[in-house]
Amino acid sequence: MFLLFSFSCSEGSESGEAEYKKLEYQGYKFSEGKVSVFLKNYSNNYYLVTLNSLSPEDEIIDKEITELIFLNSQNKNSSLKIKNITDNDTEEKVVSKALINPELNFKKVNINEDFKIKINETIFEESTSTIIRLINISEDSRCPDPTDNNENVSNPGSCIHKPKTFLHLIIETPRFNTFDDFIYKEQLKDYEFFYGGNYIKISKIDPDILELNRLIDDADYEVTMSISNNN
């Protein structure tokens, strides 16, 4: 998920009219005794940000992205709260998000190596601080033999449609907007895309389809994926 507000700011506008910018949540990162929260278009004149009711110890600005650094001596799961302190009644006043320490709570995987993820499972790749959650598989039209695709009317194949699987993924990498989207993975092709400075690839869906229209329980699905620095 990502947090989204808007605030008006006339500074820098040649016409003098208010310019509307969005405050965007761009992930978090746990380090020893600290938690960093990344926000785009942040200003402490408009928003009060706390972690476990504590104010940030430091603020680092890099272009449009602000890194707010909070103390967290026990490296524990934390509660982030962003409060809108403007007088704009049309905006949501408070948004909260739980920040889970991925090092302690999620299955660890390695960069440039295949891994398997199940529905409702979350993985963590440490070198990129990337978190991936497989939310759901809502459609599965794979075939026992996807190459049996002869469309000849007199001798049609058993798989004349385009076999694919529909997945819902959420991916978080610090300094990037959260990826929260649905993907069609074709049975005969890998699905690869670029996010967070890395290539994310979906290469296989298990278990295999042994007969047409077979129903697979959510708990039995496993998706083979990888995170890599290059393609």
Protein backbone atom coordinates (compact mmCIF):
# COMPACT_ATOMS: atom_id res chain seq x y z
CA MET A 1 0.00 0.00 0.00
CA PHE A 2 1.03 3.61 -0.21
CA LEU A 3 -0.12 6.71 1.59
CA LEU A 4 -1.40 9.56 -0.50
CA PHE A 5 -2.24 13.11 0.53
CA SER A 6 -2.29 16.38 -1.33
CA PHE A 7 -1.35 19.83 -0.13
CA SER A 8 -1.28 23.23 -1.80
CA CYS A 9 1.88 25.24 -2.04
CA SER A 10 2.22 28.52 -3.94
CA GLU A 11 5.99 28.68 -3.64
CA GLY A 12 7.69 28.31 -7.00
CA SER A 13 4.54 29.03 -9.03
CA GLU A 14 5.06 31.77 -11.60
CA SER A 15 1.34 32.47 -11.82
CA GLY A 16 1.01 32.70 -8.05
CA GLU A 17 -1.68 30.01 -8.08
CA ALA A 18 -1.51 27.08 -5.68
CA GLU A 19 0.40 24.06 -6.90
CA TYR A 20 -0.86 20.69 -5.71
CA LYS A 21 1.66 18.05 -4.80
CA LYS A 22 1.17 14.58 -3.44
CA LEU A 23 2.80 13.19 -0.35
CA GLU A 24 3.81 9.66 -1.31
CA TYR A 25 4.92 6.87 0.98
CA GLN A 26 7.97 5.18 -0.56
CA GLY A 27 8.80 2.34 1.78
CA TYR A 28 10.84 1.75 4.90
CA LYS A 29 14.07 0.12 5.98
CA PHE A 30 15.15 -1.42 9.29
CA SER A 31 18.80 -1.05 10.31
CA GLU A 32 20.47 -1.75 13.65
CA GLY A 33 18.57 0.29 16.21
CA LYS A 34 16.91 2.49 13.61
CA VAL A 35 14.04 2.63 11.12
CA SER A 36 14.09 4.83 8.02
CA VAL A 37 10.84 5.97 6.40
CA PHE A 38 10.93 7.43 2.89
CA LEU A 39 8.44 10.07 1.75
CA LYS A 40 8.22 12.03 -1.47
CA ASN A 41 7.18 15.73 -1.36
CA TYR A 42 7.27 15.76 2.44
CA SER A 43 7.20 18.98 4.47
CA ASN A 44 7.05 19.18 8.27
CA ASN A 45 4.94 22.32 7.81
CA TYR A 46 2.10 20.13 6.59
CA TYR A 47 2.60 16.73 8.20
CA LEU A 48 3.48 15.32 11.59
CA VAL A 49 5.14 11.90 11.24
CA THR A 50 5.79 9.64 14.22
CA LEU A 51 6.97 6.07 14.74
CA ASN A 52 5.78 4.40 17.94
CA SER A 53 4.70 7.92 19.01
CA LEU A 54 8.31 9.20 18.64
CA SER A 55 9.44 12.01 16.37
CA PRO A 56 12.29 11.41 13.89
CA GLU A 57 15.86 11.82 15.13
CA ASP A 58 17.14 12.96 11.75
CA GLU A 59 15.91 14.09 8.35
CA ILE A 60 17.85 13.60 5.13
CA ILE A 61 16.59 15.18 1.91
CA ASP A 62 17.65 13.81 -1.47
CA LYS A 63 15.90 15.69 -4.28
CA GLU A 64 12.16 15.11 -3.70
CA ILE A 65 12.61 12.18 -1.30
CA THR A 66 12.94 12.71 2.44
CA GLU A 67 14.38 9.99 4.67
CA LEU A 68 13.06 10.26 8.23
CA ILE A 69 15.22 8.29 10.67
CA PHE A 70 13.68 7.02 13.90
CA LEU A 71 15.32 5.29 16.86
CA ASN A 72 14.18 1.72 17.45
CA SER A 73 16.68 0.18 19.85
CA GLN A 74 14.94 -3.22 20.03
CA ASN A 75 14.44 -3.52 16.24
CA LYS A 76 10.80 -4.30 16.96
CA ASN A 77 7.80 -4.08 14.67
CA SER A 78 6.58 -0.50 14.67
CA SER A 79 3.58 1.71 14.03
CA LEU A 80 3.94 4.60 11.59
CA LYS A 81 1.49 7.49 11.85
CA ILE A 82 1.21 10.41 9.43
CA LYS A 83 -0.98 13.29 10.56
CA ASN A 84 -2.12 16.09 8.29
CA ILE A 85 -1.77 19.32 10.32
CA THR A 86 -3.16 21.67 7.68
CA ASP A 87 -6.60 23.24 7.83
CA ASN A 88 -7.77 21.44 4.70
CA ASP A 89 -10.85 19.51 5.78
CA THR A 90 -11.04 17.59 2.49
CA GLU A 91 -7.92 15.58 3.31
CA GLU A 92 -7.64 12.52 5.49
CA LYS A 93 -6.24 13.69 8.80
CA VAL A 94 -4.42 10.59 10.04
CA VAL A 95 -3.06 7.53 8.25
CA SER A 96 -1.38 4.63 10.06
CA LYS A 97 0.70 1.71 8.81
CA ALA A 98 2.36 -1.19 10.57
CA LEU A 99 6.06 -1.53 9.72
CA ILE A 100 7.14 -5.15 10.15
CA ASN A 101 10.83 -5.95 10.64
CA PRO A 102 11.41 -8.18 7.59
CA GLU A 103 14.64 -9.60 8.97
CA LEU A 104 12.78 -11.19 11.87
CA ASN A 105 9.39 -11.99 10.32
CA PHE A 106 9.67 -12.91 6.63
CA LYS A 107 11.26 -15.76 4.70
CA LYS A 108 14.66 -14.68 3.36
CA VAL A 109 15.67 -15.19 -0.25
CA ASN A 110 18.84 -14.37 -2.19
CA ILE A 111 19.45 -12.01 -5.07
CA ASN A 112 19.88 -13.69 -8.50
CA GLU A 113 18.42 -16.98 -7.24
CA ASP A 114 15.04 -18.58 -7.86
CA PHE A 115 12.70 -18.85 -4.89
CA LYS A 116 9.17 -20.11 -4.34
CA ILE A 117 6.39 -18.14 -2.73
CA LYS A 118 2.90 -19.27 -1.70
CA ILE A 119 -0.36 -17.35 -1.49
CA ASN A 120 -0.40 -15.08 1.59
CA GLU A 121 3.35 -15.57 2.04
CA THR A 122 5.89 -12.73 2.24
CA ILE A 123 9.58 -12.91 1.31
CA PHE A 124 12.49 -10.55 1.97
CA GLU A 125 15.65 -10.00 -0.08
CA GLU A 126 18.18 -8.25 2.15
CA SER A 127 20.65 -6.69 -0.31
CA THR A 128 17.86 -4.73 -2.03
CA SER A 129 15.58 -4.49 1.04
CA THR A 130 12.79 -5.78 -1.20
CA ILE A 131 9.60 -7.28 0.25
CA ILE A 132 7.26 -9.33 -1.96
CA ARG A 133 3.80 -10.57 -0.99
CA LEU A 134 1.73 -12.94 -3.12
CA ILE A 135 -1.82 -11.87 -2.35
CA ASN A 136 -3.87 -14.11 -4.58
CA ILE A 137 -4.19 -16.23 -7.71
CA SER A 138 -7.66 -15.53 -9.04
CA GLU A 139 -7.58 -17.15 -12.47
CA ASP A 140 -5.78 -20.21 -13.85
CA SER A 141 -6.40 -21.32 -17.42
CA ARG A 142 -3.25 -23.39 -17.94
CA CYS A 143 -3.37 -26.61 -19.96
CA PRO A 144 -1.86 -30.09 -19.46
CA ASP A 145 -0.11 -29.59 -22.82
CA PRO A 146 0.02 -25.89 -23.79
CA THR A 147 1.72 -26.75 -27.10
CA ASP A 148 -1.35 -28.72 -28.26
CA ASN A 149 -2.83 -25.58 -29.76
CA ASN A 150 -3.88 -26.59 -33.27
CA GLU A 151 -6.86 -24.38 -34.22
CA ASN A 152 -7.90 -26.52 -37.19
CA VAL A 153 -11.65 -27.05 -36.91
CA SER A 154 -11.44 -30.66 -38.08
CA ASN A 155 -8.72 -31.56 -35.58
CA PRO A 156 -8.60 -28.94 -32.81
CA GLY A 157 -6.00 -29.13 -30.11
CA SER A 158 -6.78 -29.39 -26.41
CA CYS A 159 -5.38 -25.90 -25.70
CA ILE A 160 -6.48 -23.47 -28.40
CA HIS A 161 -6.86 -20.55 -25.93
CA LYS A 162 -3.90 -18.63 -24.50
CA PRO A 163 -3.17 -20.43 -21.17
CA LYS A 164 -2.30 -18.06 -18.35
CA THR A 165 -2.47 -17.37 -14.63
CA PHE A 166 -3.68 -14.15 -12.98
CA LEU A 167 -1.64 -13.12 -9.91
CA HIS A 168 -1.87 -10.24 -7.44
CA LEU A 169 1.50 -9.05 -6.10
CA ILE A 170 2.55 -6.33 -3.66
CA ILE A 171 6.23 -5.32 -3.75
CA GLU A 172 8.02 -2.76 -1.59
CA THR A 173 11.54 -1.41 -2.09
CA PRO A 174 12.76 1.68 -0.20
CA ARG A 175 12.66 4.95 -2.21
CA PHE A 176 10.05 3.62 -4.65
CA ASN A 177 6.26 3.72 -4.72
CA THR A 178 4.69 0.44 -3.68
CA PHE A 179 3.96 -1.95 -6.55
CA ASP A 180 0.41 -3.23 -6.05
CA ASP A 181 -0.88 -4.76 -9.25
CA PHE A 182 -2.31 -7.76 -11.09
CA ILE A 183 -0.22 -9.75 -13.58
CA TYR A 184 -1.09 -12.23 -16.31
CA LYS A 185 1.63 -14.90 -16.50
CA GLU A 186 1.40 -16.88 -19.76
CA GLN A 187 2.08 -20.58 -19.35
CA LEU A 188 4.75 -20.75 -22.05
CA LYS A 189 6.53 -17.48 -21.20
CA ASP A 190 8.36 -15.98 -18.27
CA TYR A 191 6.94 -12.67 -17.04
CA GLU A 192 9.65 -10.11 -16.24
CA PHE A 193 9.38 -6.46 -15.28
CA PHE A 194 11.58 -3.72 -13.80
CA TYR A 195 10.78 -2.31 -10.38
CA GLY A 196 12.80 -0.74 -7.57
CA GLY A 197 16.04 -0.81 -9.54
CA ASN A 198 15.81 -4.58 -10.09
CA TYR A 199 14.30 -7.10 -12.47
CA ILE A 200 11.48 -9.22 -11.05
CA LYS A 201 10.78 -12.47 -12.91
CA ILE A 202 7.93 -14.97 -12.61
CA SER A 203 9.01 -18.20 -14.27
CA LYS A 204 6.71 -21.01 -13.14
CA ILE A 205 3.41 -21.79 -11.47
CA ASP A 206 3.03 -25.03 -9.51
CA PRO A 207 1.43 -27.50 -9.32
CA ASP A 208 1.20 -28.42 -12.98
CA ILE A 209 -2.20 -28.77 -14.60
CA LEU A 210 -2.74 -32.50 -15.17
CA GLU A 211 -6.24 -32.22 -16.59
CA LEU A 212 -8.34 -29.41 -18.03
CA ASN A 213 -10.52 -27.43 -15.61
CA ARG A 214 -8.72 -28.91 -12.62
CA LEU A 215 -9.40 -26.95 -9.43
CA ILE A 216 -6.35 -26.23 -7.29
CA ASP A 217 -6.60 -25.26 -3.65
CA ASP A 218 -5.00 -21.90 -2.78
CA ALA A 219 -2.73 -23.62 -0.26
CA ASP A 220 -1.23 -25.82 -2.99
CA TYR A 221 -0.05 -23.01 -5.28
CA GLU A 222 3.65 -22.11 -5.44
CA VAL A 223 5.08 -19.43 -7.71
CA THR A 224 8.74 -19.52 -8.75
CA MET A 225 10.24 -16.03 -8.90
CA SER A 226 13.60 -14.25 -8.81
CA ILE A 227 15.03 -10.79 -8.11
CA SER A 228 18.09 -9.84 -10.12
CA ASN A 229 20.31 -6.82 -10.72
CA ASN A 230 20.29 -7.40 -14.49
CA ASN A 231 18.28 -9.34 -17.04
